[in-house]
Amino acid sequence: CMGGLQCTVDAECIDGRGQVIRGLYVAGEAAGGIHGNNRLGGNSLLDCVVFGRVAGKAACKYVFGAGDKFKPCPTPGEIKDLTK
């Protein structure tokens, strides 16, 4: 095994007792246990992209709260809306 932190499917870190550590997320080379004990080194880029996105979305959901209660601004419908 190449090591790393254990995590849930939402990229939440898991402690030594198997409990989720709220608000702590992991992605890329730091995430372990995704491929078991036989991960090919070439899979690391895919891990970074996939779990980076998963961790980012989950972290935003955690920070914004239930129902986006703490969302700082509305999400633009399209990128061009940002230039208005």
C-alpha atoms as a PDB file:
ATOM      1  CA  CYS A   1       0.000   0.000   0.000  1.00  0.00           C
ATOM      2  CA  MET A   2       1.288   3.470  -0.800  1.00  0.00           C
ATOM      3  CA  GLY A   3      -0.174   4.891   2.421  1.00  0.00           C
ATOM      4  CA  GLY A   4      -2.343   7.891   3.005  1.00  0.00           C
ATOM      5  CA  LEU A   5      -5.374   8.809   5.061  1.00  0.00           C
ATOM      6  CA  GLN A   6      -8.488   6.688   5.012  1.00  0.00           C
ATOM      7  CA  CYS A   7     -11.563   8.500   3.739  1.00  0.00           C
ATOM      8  CA  THR A   8     -15.241   8.121   2.946  1.00  0.00           C
ATOM      9  CA  VAL A   9     -16.746   8.315  -0.546  1.00  0.00           C
ATOM     10  CA  ASP A  10     -17.238  12.040   0.163  1.00  0.00           C
ATOM     11  CA  ALA A  11     -13.463  12.401   0.832  1.00  0.00           C
ATOM     12  CA  GLU A  12     -14.011  12.965   4.581  1.00  0.00           C
ATOM     13  CA  CYS A  13     -11.034  11.818   6.683  1.00  0.00           C
ATOM     14  CA  ILE A  14     -11.529   8.868   8.999  1.00  0.00           C
ATOM     15  CA  ASP A  15      -9.721   8.673  12.345  1.00  0.00           C
ATOM     16  CA  GLY A  16      -8.075   5.626  13.951  1.00  0.00           C
ATOM     17  CA  ARG A  17     -11.377   4.550  15.509  1.00  0.00           C
ATOM     18  CA  GLY A  18     -13.178   4.567  12.159  1.00  0.00           C
ATOM     19  CA  GLN A  19     -15.058   7.810  12.880  1.00  0.00           C
ATOM     20  CA  VAL A  20     -15.396  10.665  10.376  1.00  0.00           C
ATOM     21  CA  ILE A  21     -13.442  13.819  11.281  1.00  0.00           C
ATOM     22  CA  ARG A  22     -15.974  16.560  10.484  1.00  0.00           C
ATOM     23  CA  GLY A  23     -14.641  19.316   8.260  1.00  0.00           C
ATOM     24  CA  LEU A  24     -11.408  17.522   7.290  1.00  0.00           C
ATOM     25  CA  TYR A  25     -11.160  16.296   3.698  1.00  0.00           C
ATOM     26  CA  VAL A  26      -8.434  14.514   1.740  1.00  0.00           C
ATOM     27  CA  ALA A  27      -7.573  14.182  -1.952  1.00  0.00           C
ATOM     28  CA  GLY A  28      -4.834  13.021  -4.287  1.00  0.00           C
ATOM     29  CA  GLU A  29      -1.688  11.358  -2.947  1.00  0.00           C
ATOM     30  CA  ALA A  30      -2.804  11.943   0.649  1.00  0.00           C
ATOM     31  CA  ALA A  31      -5.884   9.737   0.185  1.00  0.00           C
ATOM     32  CA  GLY A  32      -5.184   6.102   0.944  1.00  0.00           C
ATOM     33  CA  GLY A  33      -7.181   2.917   0.770  1.00  0.00           C
ATOM     34  CA  ILE A  34      -9.007   3.797  -2.437  1.00  0.00           C
ATOM     35  CA  HIS A  35      -7.315   1.063  -4.481  1.00  0.00           C
ATOM     36  CA  GLY A  36      -6.594  -1.335  -1.639  1.00  0.00           C
ATOM     37  CA  ASN A  37      -3.055  -2.678  -1.345  1.00  0.00           C
ATOM     38  CA  ASN A  38      -2.244  -2.699  -5.060  1.00  0.00           C
ATOM     39  CA  ARG A  39      -2.495   0.793  -6.503  1.00  0.00           C
ATOM     40  CA  LEU A  40      -0.693   1.488  -9.729  1.00  0.00           C
ATOM     41  CA  GLY A  41       1.396   4.669  -9.533  1.00  0.00           C
ATOM     42  CA  GLY A  42      -0.158   5.965 -12.762  1.00  0.00           C
ATOM     43  CA  ASN A  43      -3.570   6.157 -11.129  1.00  0.00           C
ATOM     44  CA  SER A  44      -2.473   9.047  -8.909  1.00  0.00           C
ATOM     45  CA  LEU A  45      -3.404  11.770 -11.417  1.00  0.00           C
ATOM     46  CA  LEU A  46      -6.921  10.386 -11.681  1.00  0.00           C
ATOM     47  CA  ASP A  47      -7.128  10.263  -7.868  1.00  0.00           C
ATOM     48  CA  CYS A  48      -6.104  13.928  -7.677  1.00  0.00           C
ATOM     49  CA  VAL A  49      -8.717  15.026 -10.208  1.00  0.00           C
ATOM     50  CA  VAL A  50     -11.609  12.892  -8.983  1.00  0.00           C
ATOM     51  CA  PHE A  51     -11.089  13.194  -5.241  1.00  0.00           C
ATOM     52  CA  GLY A  52     -10.035  16.835  -5.543  1.00  0.00           C
ATOM     53  CA  ARG A  53     -13.434  17.588  -7.039  1.00  0.00           C
ATOM     54  CA  VAL A  54     -15.273  15.360  -4.554  1.00  0.00           C
ATOM     55  CA  ALA A  55     -13.415  16.896  -1.600  1.00  0.00           C
ATOM     56  CA  GLY A  56     -14.012  20.432  -2.876  1.00  0.00           C
ATOM     57  CA  LYS A  57     -17.738  19.900  -3.313  1.00  0.00           C
ATOM     58  CA  ALA A  58     -18.063  18.208   0.096  1.00  0.00           C
ATOM     59  CA  ALA A  59     -16.042  20.957   1.814  1.00  0.00           C
ATOM     60  CA  CYS A  60     -18.251  23.646   0.238  1.00  0.00           C
ATOM     61  CA  LYS A  61     -21.359  21.801   1.382  1.00  0.00           C
ATOM     62  CA  TYR A  62     -19.910  21.602   4.917  1.00  0.00           C
ATOM     63  CA  VAL A  63     -18.907  25.290   5.018  1.00  0.00           C
ATOM     64  CA  PHE A  64     -22.115  26.629   3.444  1.00  0.00           C
ATOM     65  CA  GLY A  65     -24.285  24.641   5.856  1.00  0.00           C
ATOM     66  CA  ALA A  66     -27.684  23.035   5.381  1.00  0.00           C
ATOM     67  CA  GLY A  67     -29.598  24.610   2.523  1.00  0.00           C
ATOM     68  CA  ASP A  68     -26.627  26.852   1.652  1.00  0.00           C
ATOM     69  CA  LYS A  69     -27.400  28.935   4.756  1.00  0.00           C
ATOM     70  CA  PHE A  70     -23.927  30.520   4.813  1.00  0.00           C
ATOM     71  CA  LYS A  71     -23.303  30.789   1.071  1.00  0.00           C
ATOM     72  CA  PRO A  72     -21.502  34.103   0.467  1.00  0.00           C
ATOM     73  CA  CYS A  73     -23.035  34.945  -2.908  1.00  0.00           C
ATOM     74  CA  PRO A  74     -25.457  33.509  -5.475  1.00  0.00           C
ATOM     75  CA  THR A  75     -24.055  31.036  -7.974  1.00  0.00           C
ATOM     76  CA  PRO A  76     -23.883  32.554 -11.471  1.00  0.00           C
ATOM     77  CA  GLY A  77     -25.995  30.737 -14.037  1.00  0.00           C
ATOM     78  CA  GLU A  78     -23.224  31.076 -16.598  1.00  0.00           C
ATOM     79  CA  ILE A  79     -19.615  32.227 -16.589  1.00  0.00           C
ATOM     80  CA  LYS A  80     -20.524  35.309 -18.627  1.00  0.00           C
ATOM     81  CA  ASP A  81     -22.758  36.449 -15.760  1.00  0.00           C
ATOM     82  CA  LEU A  82     -19.575  37.109 -13.778  1.00  0.00           C
ATOM     83  CA  THR A  83     -18.531  39.869 -16.196  1.00  0.00           C
ATOM     84  CA  LYS A  84     -21.694  41.954 -15.751  1.00  0.00           C
END
